[in-house]
Protein backbone atom coordinates (compact mmCIF):
# COMPACT_ATOMS: atom_id res chain seq x y z
CA MET A 1 45.05 14.65 -22.83
CA GLY A 2 43.67 10.44 -22.58
CA ALA A 3 40.16 9.18 -23.23
CA GLN A 4 40.20 9.12 -18.87
CA GLU A 5 41.47 12.90 -18.05
CA GLU A 6 39.17 14.42 -20.20
CA GLU A 7 36.10 12.26 -18.70
CA TYR A 8 37.36 13.12 -15.87
CA ALA A 9 37.80 16.86 -16.81
CA ASP A 10 34.25 16.67 -18.34
CA THR A 11 32.88 15.12 -14.53
CA SER A 12 33.95 17.86 -12.93
CA GLN A 13 32.70 20.67 -14.84
CA LEU A 14 28.75 19.09 -13.95
CA GLY A 15 28.04 20.59 -10.72
CA ILE A 16 24.00 20.51 -10.08
CA THR A 17 22.54 24.47 -8.65
CA LEU A 18 20.36 24.82 -6.03
CA ARG A 19 17.17 24.80 -7.91
CA GLY A 20 18.16 21.74 -9.57
CA LEU A 21 18.10 20.04 -5.83
CA ARG A 22 15.09 21.08 -4.78
CA LYS A 23 13.67 19.63 -7.48
CA LEU A 24 15.52 16.34 -7.15
CA LYS A 25 13.88 16.57 -4.27
CA THR A 26 10.54 16.59 -5.00
CA ILE A 27 10.78 13.94 -7.22
CA LEU A 28 12.20 11.66 -4.74
CA ALA A 29 9.85 12.70 -2.30
CA GLU A 30 7.02 11.99 -4.35
CA ARG A 31 8.48 8.31 -5.66
CA PHE A 32 9.03 7.28 -1.91
CA GLY A 33 6.60 9.27 -0.20
CA ASP A 34 7.56 8.99 3.88
CA LYS A 35 9.58 6.77 3.29
CA PHE A 36 12.23 9.50 1.75
CA LYS A 37 12.89 11.19 4.56
CA ASP A 38 14.52 8.11 6.40
CA MET A 39 16.55 6.98 3.35
CA SER A 40 20.51 7.05 3.01
CA THR A 41 22.20 8.65 0.12
CA ALA A 42 23.55 5.04 -0.21
CA GLU A 43 19.49 4.11 -0.76
CA VAL A 44 18.54 7.17 -3.00
CA ASN A 45 21.44 5.70 -5.10
CA THR A 46 20.48 1.81 -5.40
CA ASN A 47 16.77 2.62 -5.47
CA TRP A 48 16.76 5.31 -7.47
CA VAL A 49 19.57 6.57 -9.58
CA GLU A 50 20.85 3.49 -10.27
CA VAL A 51 17.20 2.83 -11.57
CA VAL A 52 17.10 5.74 -13.80
CA THR A 53 20.19 5.90 -15.14
CA ALA A 54 20.63 1.91 -16.17
CA GLN A 55 19.14 2.18 -18.91
CA GLN A 56 21.27 5.20 -20.68
CA ALA A 57 23.93 4.67 -18.67
CA CYS A 58 24.78 8.25 -17.86
CA ARG A 59 25.24 10.29 -14.82
CA LEU A 60 21.87 11.78 -13.62
CA VAL A 61 23.19 15.45 -14.43
CA GLU A 62 22.94 14.15 -17.29
CA MET A 63 19.45 13.47 -18.13
CA ALA A 64 17.56 16.18 -18.88
CA GLU A 65 13.92 15.02 -17.57
CA LEU A 66 14.94 14.49 -14.08
CA VAL A 67 17.56 17.49 -14.53
CA ALA A 68 17.17 20.66 -16.47
CA PRO A 69 20.19 22.25 -18.30
CA GLU A 70 19.13 25.08 -16.91
CA ASP A 71 20.31 23.38 -13.87
CA VAL A 72 23.73 21.96 -14.37
CA ALA A 73 26.90 24.42 -14.52
CA PRO A 74 30.51 24.08 -12.92
CA PRO A 75 30.46 23.38 -9.44
CA MET A 76 31.32 26.62 -7.60
CA TYR A 77 31.23 24.74 -3.66
CA PHE A 78 32.75 20.46 -3.40
CA ILE A 79 30.52 18.73 -0.66
CA SER A 80 31.32 15.20 0.16
CA HIS A 81 29.12 12.84 2.32
CA ALA A 82 29.67 9.69 3.29
CA CYS A 83 26.93 6.82 2.64
CA GLU A 84 25.93 4.55 5.40
């Protein structure tokens, strides 16, 4: 298996728990206030995810200060969504 396939395999094992999602929602609501309710996924990505992950050039779930390691686990479901 090549390096790219290994990276994809590792990525496929990086799910986030519902508890982790709820913690992120709290962080985002505190950061953006009432504006958060109307933000699209694309806006959250551009205005927050890309900013907080830029220095480490990593996935959000790899940042233990934002997503606790116990909230990262192999996924049980796959949920797809469209960004506006």
